[in-house]
Amino acid sequence: MAKHSDEADHGGTPDPDDLPSTIARSDAKAQRTYAKTLEHAEEEYGDGERAHRTAFSALKHTHEKVGDHWEPKAGGRKGPSDAQAEGGRDTHRRTAEGVDANATKEHLLEVARRLDVPGRSSMDKGELVEAIKKANARETRRSRGS
């Protein structure tokens, strides 16, 4: 990842070229949250995977991945999005890859509807999370042109 612009270092809007593509397509709050957390994590852990995981973890407390971008959690809800995030760094559970697995089934059904997930009405909550993860990955690949 490129060095953050001076503007990002002072609380301004980060340069989208310095952000992962899914975050660059997201709102300014998501961009600031990721960039600011990454900056602090790089100071502590160096420029590497751990710093980026830390920044994504912070983002997942306020945003959820919907398709190819991140959106604020429904109703302004804050907190961990899955069992891995609830446990912290030393927890080794599967991540929901940005899907807010702690949201209500109704919310997950709405996200699945927006992503045109087939068969969503007969899915349980766990199946919805998995289907949304797949739909998100598909939309991200499409946006990246891969």
N, C-alpha and C. Protein backbone atom coordinates (compact mmCIF):
# COMPACT_ATOMS: atom_id res chain seq x y z
N MET A 1 0.86 -1.18 0.00
CA MET A 1 0.00 0.00 0.00
C MET A 1 0.89 1.23 0.00
N ALA A 2 0.52 2.21 -0.76
CA ALA A 2 1.27 3.46 -0.85
C ALA A 2 1.17 4.23 0.45
N LYS A 3 2.12 5.10 0.67
CA LYS A 3 2.10 5.96 1.85
C LYS A 3 0.88 6.87 1.78
N HIS A 4 0.26 7.11 2.91
CA HIS A 4 -0.93 7.95 2.95
C HIS A 4 -0.55 9.40 2.67
N SER A 5 -1.48 10.12 2.06
CA SER A 5 -1.24 11.53 1.77
C SER A 5 -1.19 12.31 3.08
N ASP A 6 -0.57 13.49 3.05
CA ASP A 6 -0.51 14.34 4.24
C ASP A 6 -1.91 14.70 4.71
N GLU A 7 -2.83 14.86 3.77
CA GLU A 7 -4.20 15.21 4.13
C GLU A 7 -4.82 14.12 5.01
N ALA A 8 -4.57 12.84 4.67
CA ALA A 8 -5.11 11.74 5.46
C ALA A 8 -4.49 11.74 6.85
N ASP A 9 -3.23 12.13 6.96
CA ASP A 9 -2.55 12.12 8.26
C ASP A 9 -3.13 13.17 9.20
N HIS A 10 -3.86 14.14 8.67
CA HIS A 10 -4.42 15.20 9.50
C HIS A 10 -5.94 15.13 9.60
N GLY A 11 -6.50 13.94 9.36
CA GLY A 11 -7.93 13.75 9.54
C GLY A 11 -8.77 14.10 8.33
N GLY A 12 -8.15 14.44 7.19
CA GLY A 12 -8.89 14.75 5.97
C GLY A 12 -9.31 13.47 5.27
N THR A 13 -9.74 13.62 4.04
CA THR A 13 -10.15 12.48 3.25
C THR A 13 -8.93 11.78 2.70
N PRO A 14 -8.81 10.46 2.91
CA PRO A 14 -7.66 9.72 2.37
C PRO A 14 -7.69 9.69 0.85
N ASP A 15 -6.54 9.54 0.25
CA ASP A 15 -6.44 9.40 -1.19
C ASP A 15 -6.97 8.02 -1.57
N PRO A 16 -8.01 7.93 -2.42
CA PRO A 16 -8.56 6.62 -2.79
C PRO A 16 -7.53 5.68 -3.41
N ASP A 17 -6.49 6.23 -4.03
CA ASP A 17 -5.44 5.38 -4.60
C ASP A 17 -4.65 4.65 -3.52
N ASP A 18 -4.74 5.13 -2.28
CA ASP A 18 -4.02 4.52 -1.17
C ASP A 18 -4.86 3.46 -0.44
N LEU A 19 -6.09 3.25 -0.90
CA LEU A 19 -7.02 2.37 -0.20
C LEU A 19 -7.32 1.11 -1.01
N PRO A 20 -7.65 0.00 -0.31
CA PRO A 20 -8.16 -1.16 -1.04
C PRO A 20 -9.39 -0.75 -1.85
N SER A 21 -9.60 -1.35 -2.99
CA SER A 21 -10.66 -0.91 -3.90
C SER A 21 -12.05 -0.93 -3.27
N THR A 22 -12.35 -1.91 -2.42
CA THR A 22 -13.68 -1.95 -1.81
C THR A 22 -13.90 -0.77 -0.88
N ILE A 23 -12.84 -0.29 -0.26
CA ILE A 23 -12.95 0.86 0.64
C ILE A 23 -12.97 2.16 -0.16
N ALA A 24 -12.22 2.20 -1.25
CA ALA A 24 -12.22 3.38 -2.11
C ALA A 24 -13.61 3.64 -2.69
N ARG A 25 -14.43 2.58 -2.84
CA ARG A 25 -15.80 2.72 -3.36
C ARG A 25 -16.80 2.98 -2.24
N SER A 26 -16.33 3.16 -1.03
CA SER A 26 -17.20 3.32 0.14
C SER A 26 -17.29 4.78 0.57
N ASP A 27 -18.13 5.04 1.58
CA ASP A 27 -18.30 6.42 2.04
C ASP A 27 -17.04 6.95 2.73
N ALA A 28 -17.02 8.26 2.91
CA ALA A 28 -15.85 8.93 3.49
C ALA A 28 -15.54 8.43 4.90
N LYS A 29 -16.56 8.12 5.68
CA LYS A 29 -16.34 7.62 7.05
C LYS A 29 -15.61 6.29 7.02
N ALA A 30 -16.00 5.39 6.13
CA ALA A 30 -15.32 4.10 6.01
C ALA A 30 -13.86 4.32 5.61
N GLN A 31 -13.64 5.24 4.67
CA GLN A 31 -12.28 5.52 4.22
C GLN A 31 -11.42 6.07 5.34
N ARG A 32 -11.97 7.01 6.11
CA ARG A 32 -11.22 7.62 7.22
C ARG A 32 -10.94 6.59 8.31
N THR A 33 -11.94 5.78 8.64
CA THR A 33 -11.77 4.77 9.69
C THR A 33 -10.64 3.82 9.32
N TYR A 34 -10.68 3.31 8.10
CA TYR A 34 -9.64 2.37 7.66
C TYR A 34 -8.26 3.04 7.64
N ALA A 35 -8.18 4.22 7.02
CA ALA A 35 -6.89 4.90 6.87
C ALA A 35 -6.28 5.29 8.22
N LYS A 36 -7.09 5.82 9.11
CA LYS A 36 -6.57 6.25 10.41
C LYS A 36 -6.12 5.04 11.25
N THR A 37 -6.92 3.97 11.24
CA THR A 37 -6.54 2.77 11.98
C THR A 37 -5.28 2.15 11.39
N LEU A 38 -5.20 2.11 10.05
CA LEU A 38 -4.02 1.56 9.41
C LEU A 38 -2.77 2.36 9.79
N GLU A 39 -2.90 3.67 9.79
CA GLU A 39 -1.76 4.52 10.15
C GLU A 39 -1.24 4.18 11.56
N HIS A 40 -2.16 4.06 12.50
CA HIS A 40 -1.75 3.72 13.88
C HIS A 40 -1.22 2.29 13.98
N ALA A 41 -1.84 1.37 13.26
CA ALA A 41 -1.40 -0.02 13.29
C ALA A 41 -0.01 -0.18 12.67
N GLU A 42 0.27 0.58 11.62
CA GLU A 42 1.59 0.52 11.01
C GLU A 42 2.66 1.05 11.96
N GLU A 43 2.31 2.05 12.77
CA GLU A 43 3.26 2.56 13.76
C GLU A 43 3.59 1.47 14.78
N GLU A 44 2.58 0.68 15.14
CA GLU A 44 2.78 -0.36 16.15
C GLU A 44 3.34 -1.66 15.59
N TYR A 45 2.83 -2.11 14.44
CA TYR A 45 3.18 -3.43 13.91
C TYR A 45 4.05 -3.39 12.66
N GLY A 46 4.25 -2.22 12.07
CA GLY A 46 4.97 -2.13 10.81
C GLY A 46 4.00 -2.28 9.65
N ASP A 47 4.50 -2.05 8.44
CA ASP A 47 3.66 -2.13 7.23
C ASP A 47 3.57 -3.59 6.82
N GLY A 48 2.46 -4.21 7.13
CA GLY A 48 2.30 -5.61 6.78
C GLY A 48 0.88 -6.09 7.01
N GLU A 49 0.72 -7.39 6.89
CA GLU A 49 -0.61 -8.00 6.97
C GLU A 49 -1.31 -7.70 8.29
N ARG A 50 -0.58 -7.73 9.40
CA ARG A 50 -1.22 -7.50 10.69
C ARG A 50 -1.83 -6.10 10.78
N ALA A 51 -1.13 -5.10 10.25
CA ALA A 51 -1.66 -3.74 10.28
C ALA A 51 -2.93 -3.63 9.44
N HIS A 52 -2.95 -4.29 8.29
CA HIS A 52 -4.13 -4.24 7.43
C HIS A 52 -5.30 -5.01 8.05
N ARG A 53 -5.02 -6.15 8.69
CA ARG A 53 -6.09 -6.89 9.38
C ARG A 53 -6.68 -6.05 10.50
N THR A 54 -5.82 -5.32 11.20
CA THR A 54 -6.28 -4.45 12.29
C THR A 54 -7.20 -3.36 11.75
N ALA A 55 -6.83 -2.76 10.61
CA ALA A 55 -7.64 -1.70 10.01
C ALA A 55 -8.99 -2.25 9.54
N PHE A 56 -9.00 -3.42 8.92
CA PHE A 56 -10.26 -4.03 8.50
C PHE A 56 -11.12 -4.37 9.71
N SER A 57 -10.50 -4.83 10.78
CA SER A 57 -11.25 -5.17 12.00
C SER A 57 -11.95 -3.94 12.56
N ALA A 58 -11.26 -2.82 12.59
CA ALA A 58 -11.87 -1.58 13.08
C ALA A 58 -13.04 -1.17 12.19
N LEU A 59 -12.86 -1.31 10.89
CA LEU A 59 -13.91 -0.94 9.94
C LEU A 59 -15.15 -1.80 10.15
N LYS A 60 -14.96 -3.10 10.44
CA LYS A 60 -16.09 -4.03 10.62
C LYS A 60 -16.92 -3.71 11.85
N HIS A 61 -16.43 -2.88 12.75
CA HIS A 61 -17.21 -2.50 13.92
C HIS A 61 -18.27 -1.44 13.59
N THR A 62 -18.07 -0.71 12.50
CA THR A 62 -19.02 0.35 12.15
C THR A 62 -19.66 0.15 10.78
N HIS A 63 -19.07 -0.71 9.95
CA HIS A 63 -19.53 -0.90 8.58
C HIS A 63 -19.66 -2.39 8.26
N GLU A 64 -20.42 -2.69 7.21
CA GLU A 64 -20.53 -4.04 6.71
C GLU A 64 -20.31 -4.02 5.21
N LYS A 65 -19.78 -5.12 4.69
CA LYS A 65 -19.55 -5.20 3.25
C LYS A 65 -20.85 -5.60 2.57
N VAL A 66 -21.23 -4.81 1.57
CA VAL A 66 -22.43 -5.07 0.78
C VAL A 66 -22.01 -4.96 -0.68
N GLY A 67 -21.93 -6.09 -1.34
CA GLY A 67 -21.48 -6.09 -2.73
C GLY A 67 -20.01 -5.74 -2.82
N ASP A 68 -19.70 -4.67 -3.54
CA ASP A 68 -18.30 -4.31 -3.79
C ASP A 68 -17.83 -3.13 -2.94
N HIS A 69 -18.56 -2.81 -1.86
CA HIS A 69 -18.19 -1.65 -1.04
C HIS A 69 -18.66 -1.87 0.40
N TRP A 70 -18.33 -0.93 1.27
CA TRP A 70 -18.71 -0.99 2.69
C TRP A 70 -19.75 0.08 2.98
N GLU A 71 -20.76 -0.29 3.77
CA GLU A 71 -21.83 0.62 4.16
C GLU A 71 -21.92 0.67 5.69
N PRO A 72 -22.37 1.80 6.24
CA PRO A 72 -22.58 1.86 7.69
C PRO A 72 -23.57 0.77 8.11
N LYS A 73 -23.33 0.19 9.28
CA LYS A 73 -24.24 -0.84 9.78
C LYS A 73 -25.63 -0.26 9.98
N ALA A 74 -26.63 -1.09 9.78
CA ALA A 74 -28.03 -0.68 9.90
C ALA A 74 -28.31 -0.06 11.26
N GLY A 75 -29.04 1.05 11.25
CA GLY A 75 -29.44 1.70 12.49
C GLY A 75 -28.29 2.29 13.28
N GLY A 76 -27.13 2.45 12.64
CA GLY A 76 -25.98 3.00 13.35
C GLY A 76 -25.40 2.04 14.38
N ARG A 77 -25.80 0.76 14.32
CA ARG A 77 -25.31 -0.24 15.27
C ARG A 77 -23.79 -0.35 15.16
N LYS A 78 -23.13 -0.45 16.29
CA LYS A 78 -21.68 -0.62 16.31
C LYS A 78 -21.35 -1.88 17.06
N GLY A 79 -20.22 -2.46 16.73
CA GLY A 79 -19.77 -3.64 17.43
C GLY A 79 -19.24 -4.69 16.47
N PRO A 80 -18.73 -5.78 17.00
CA PRO A 80 -18.13 -6.81 16.16
C PRO A 80 -19.17 -7.41 15.20
N SER A 81 -18.70 -7.78 14.02
CA SER A 81 -19.60 -8.29 13.00
C SER A 81 -19.69 -9.81 12.97
N ASP A 82 -18.79 -10.50 13.66
CA ASP A 82 -18.81 -11.96 13.66
C ASP A 82 -18.07 -12.50 14.87
N ALA A 83 -18.08 -13.81 15.04
CA ALA A 83 -17.47 -14.45 16.20
C ALA A 83 -15.96 -14.19 16.27
N GLN A 84 -15.30 -14.12 15.13
CA GLN A 84 -13.86 -13.84 15.12
C GLN A 84 -13.59 -12.45 15.69
N ALA A 85 -14.35 -11.48 15.26
CA ALA A 85 -14.16 -10.10 15.73
C ALA A 85 -14.50 -9.97 17.21
N GLU A 86 -15.45 -10.74 17.68
CA GLU A 86 -15.81 -10.68 19.10
C GLU A 86 -14.67 -11.16 19.98
N GLY A 87 -13.90 -12.14 19.48
CA GLY A 87 -12.85 -12.74 20.29
C GLY A 87 -11.53 -12.03 20.29
N GLY A 88 -11.29 -11.19 19.33
CA GLY A 88 -10.03 -10.46 19.28
C GLY A 88 -8.93 -11.20 18.54
N ARG A 89 -7.73 -10.68 18.66
CA ARG A 89 -6.59 -11.13 17.89
C ARG A 89 -6.25 -12.60 18.07
N ASP A 90 -6.37 -13.12 19.28
CA ASP A 90 -5.96 -14.49 19.53
C ASP A 90 -7.07 -15.51 19.30
N THR A 91 -8.19 -15.06 18.74
CA THR A 91 -9.30 -15.95 18.42
C THR A 91 -9.08 -16.51 17.02
N HIS A 92 -9.40 -17.77 16.87
CA HIS A 92 -9.19 -18.41 15.56
C HIS A 92 -10.49 -19.04 15.09
N ARG A 93 -11.44 -18.17 14.73
CA ARG A 93 -12.73 -18.60 14.20
C ARG A 93 -12.84 -18.09 12.78
N ARG A 94 -13.76 -18.66 12.03
CA ARG A 94 -13.98 -18.20 10.66
C ARG A 94 -14.53 -16.78 10.69
N THR A 95 -14.04 -15.97 9.79
CA THR A 95 -14.55 -14.61 9.65
C THR A 95 -15.71 -14.60 8.67
N ALA A 96 -16.60 -13.66 8.84
CA ALA A 96 -17.72 -13.51 7.91
C ALA A 96 -17.34 -12.58 6.75
N GLU A 97 -16.08 -12.21 6.65
CA GLU A 97 -15.55 -11.42 5.53
C GLU A 97 -16.30 -10.10 5.32
N GLY A 98 -16.66 -9.46 6.42
CA GLY A 98 -17.31 -8.16 6.33
C GLY A 98 -18.82 -8.20 6.39
N VAL A 99 -19.41 -9.41 6.26
CA VAL A 99 -20.86 -9.54 6.41
C VAL A 99 -21.17 -9.38 7.90
N ASP A 100 -22.19 -8.63 8.23
CA ASP A 100 -22.55 -8.43 9.63
C ASP A 100 -23.36 -9.64 10.11
N ALA A 101 -22.65 -10.71 10.47
CA ALA A 101 -23.28 -11.96 10.89
C ALA A 101 -24.05 -11.80 12.19
N ASN A 102 -23.80 -10.73 12.93
CA ASN A 102 -24.52 -10.48 14.18
C ASN A 102 -25.80 -9.66 13.96
N ALA A 103 -26.07 -9.30 12.72
CA ALA A 103 -27.30 -8.56 12.40
C ALA A 103 -28.49 -9.51 12.49
N THR A 104 -29.67 -8.94 12.46
CA THR A 104 -30.88 -9.76 12.49
C THR A 104 -31.05 -10.51 11.17
N LYS A 105 -31.83 -11.57 11.23
CA LYS A 105 -32.13 -12.32 10.00
C LYS A 105 -32.84 -11.42 9.01
N GLU A 106 -33.71 -10.56 9.51
CA GLU A 106 -34.43 -9.65 8.62
C GLU A 106 -33.47 -8.73 7.86
N HIS A 107 -32.46 -8.23 8.57
CA HIS A 107 -31.47 -7.37 7.90
C HIS A 107 -30.70 -8.17 6.86
N LEU A 108 -30.29 -9.38 7.21
CA LEU A 108 -29.55 -10.21 6.26
C LEU A 108 -30.41 -10.53 5.03
N LEU A 109 -31.70 -10.77 5.24
CA LEU A 109 -32.60 -11.00 4.11
C LEU A 109 -32.66 -9.77 3.19
N GLU A 110 -32.69 -8.59 3.78
CA GLU A 110 -32.71 -7.35 2.99
C GLU A 110 -31.42 -7.19 2.18
N VAL A 111 -30.27 -7.46 2.81
CA VAL A 111 -29.00 -7.38 2.08
C VAL A 111 -28.99 -8.41 0.95
N ALA A 112 -29.44 -9.62 1.24
CA ALA A 112 -29.49 -10.68 0.22
C ALA A 112 -30.42 -10.28 -0.93
N ARG A 113 -31.53 -9.63 -0.61
CA ARG A 113 -32.45 -9.15 -1.65
C ARG A 113 -31.75 -8.12 -2.54
N ARG A 114 -31.05 -7.18 -1.91
CA ARG A 114 -30.34 -6.14 -2.68
C ARG A 114 -29.28 -6.75 -3.59
N LEU A 115 -28.68 -7.87 -3.15
CA LEU A 115 -27.63 -8.53 -3.94
C LEU A 115 -28.21 -9.60 -4.87
N ASP A 116 -29.54 -9.72 -4.89
CA ASP A 116 -30.25 -10.66 -5.74
C ASP A 116 -29.78 -12.11 -5.51
N VAL A 117 -29.68 -12.50 -4.24
CA VAL A 117 -29.29 -13.86 -3.87
C VAL A 117 -30.49 -14.78 -4.10
N PRO A 118 -30.35 -15.79 -4.97
CA PRO A 118 -31.47 -16.69 -5.22
C PRO A 118 -31.74 -17.61 -4.02
N GLY A 119 -33.01 -17.92 -3.78
CA GLY A 119 -33.38 -18.85 -2.71
C GLY A 119 -33.28 -18.28 -1.31
N ARG A 120 -33.10 -16.98 -1.18
CA ARG A 120 -32.87 -16.36 0.12
C ARG A 120 -34.02 -16.55 1.10
N SER A 121 -35.25 -16.59 0.62
CA SER A 121 -36.39 -16.66 1.53
C SER A 121 -36.45 -17.97 2.31
N SER A 122 -35.81 -19.01 1.82
CA SER A 122 -35.83 -20.30 2.53
C SER A 122 -34.54 -20.56 3.31
N MET A 123 -33.64 -19.59 3.36
CA MET A 123 -32.35 -19.78 4.04
C MET A 123 -32.44 -19.42 5.51
N ASP A 124 -31.66 -20.16 6.33
CA ASP A 124 -31.53 -19.76 7.73
C ASP A 124 -30.43 -18.69 7.81
N LYS A 125 -30.19 -18.18 8.99
CA LYS A 125 -29.27 -17.06 9.16
C LYS A 125 -27.85 -17.41 8.69
N GLY A 126 -27.36 -18.58 9.04
CA GLY A 126 -26.01 -19.00 8.63
C GLY A 126 -25.89 -19.13 7.12
N GLU A 127 -26.93 -19.66 6.49
CA GLU A 127 -26.92 -19.78 5.04
C GLU A 127 -26.95 -18.41 4.37
N LEU A 128 -27.70 -17.48 4.95
CA LEU A 128 -27.72 -16.12 4.41
C LEU A 128 -26.34 -15.48 4.46
N VAL A 129 -25.65 -15.63 5.60
CA VAL A 129 -24.30 -15.07 5.73
C VAL A 129 -23.39 -15.63 4.64
N GLU A 130 -23.41 -16.95 4.45
CA GLU A 130 -22.56 -17.58 3.43
C GLU A 130 -22.94 -17.10 2.03
N ALA A 131 -24.23 -17.01 1.74
CA ALA A 131 -24.67 -16.56 0.42
C ALA A 131 -24.28 -15.10 0.16
N ILE A 132 -24.37 -14.26 1.18
CA ILE A 132 -23.98 -12.85 1.04
C ILE A 132 -22.47 -12.75 0.82
N LYS A 133 -21.69 -13.55 1.54
CA LYS A 133 -20.23 -13.57 1.33
C LYS A 133 -19.91 -13.87 -0.13
N LYS A 134 -20.57 -14.88 -0.69
CA LYS A 134 -20.33 -15.26 -2.08
C LYS A 134 -20.77 -14.14 -3.03
N ALA A 135 -21.91 -13.54 -2.77
CA ALA A 135 -22.39 -12.44 -3.61
C ALA A 135 -21.44 -11.24 -3.53
N ASN A 136 -20.96 -10.95 -2.33
CA ASN A 136 -19.99 -9.85 -2.16
C ASN A 136 -18.73 -10.11 -2.98
N ALA A 137 -18.22 -11.34 -2.90
CA ALA A 137 -17.00 -11.69 -3.64
C ALA A 137 -17.23 -11.55 -5.15
N ARG A 138 -18.39 -11.99 -5.62
CA ARG A 138 -18.73 -11.89 -7.03
C ARG A 138 -18.77 -10.42 -7.48
N GLU A 139 -19.44 -9.56 -6.67
CA GLU A 139 -19.54 -8.14 -7.01
C GLU A 139 -18.17 -7.45 -6.97
N THR A 140 -17.34 -7.83 -6.02
CA THR A 140 -15.99 -7.24 -5.94
C THR A 140 -15.17 -7.64 -7.15
N ARG A 141 -15.23 -8.92 -7.55
CA ARG A 141 -14.51 -9.37 -8.75
C ARG A 141 -15.00 -8.59 -9.97
N ARG A 142 -16.31 -8.42 -10.09
CA ARG A 142 -16.88 -7.70 -11.22
C ARG A 142 -16.38 -6.26 -11.26
N SER A 143 -16.36 -5.61 -10.10
CA SER A 143 -15.90 -4.21 -10.05
C SER A 143 -14.42 -4.07 -10.36
N ARG A 144 -13.66 -5.08 -10.01
CA ARG A 144 -12.22 -5.05 -10.30
C ARG A 144 -11.90 -5.48 -11.73
N GLY A 145 -12.93 -5.97 -12.43
CA GLY A 145 -12.72 -6.39 -13.81
C GLY A 145 -12.04 -7.73 -13.92
N SER A 146 -12.11 -8.55 -12.85
CA SER A 146 -11.46 -9.87 -12.91
C SER A 146 -12.44 -10.98 -13.08
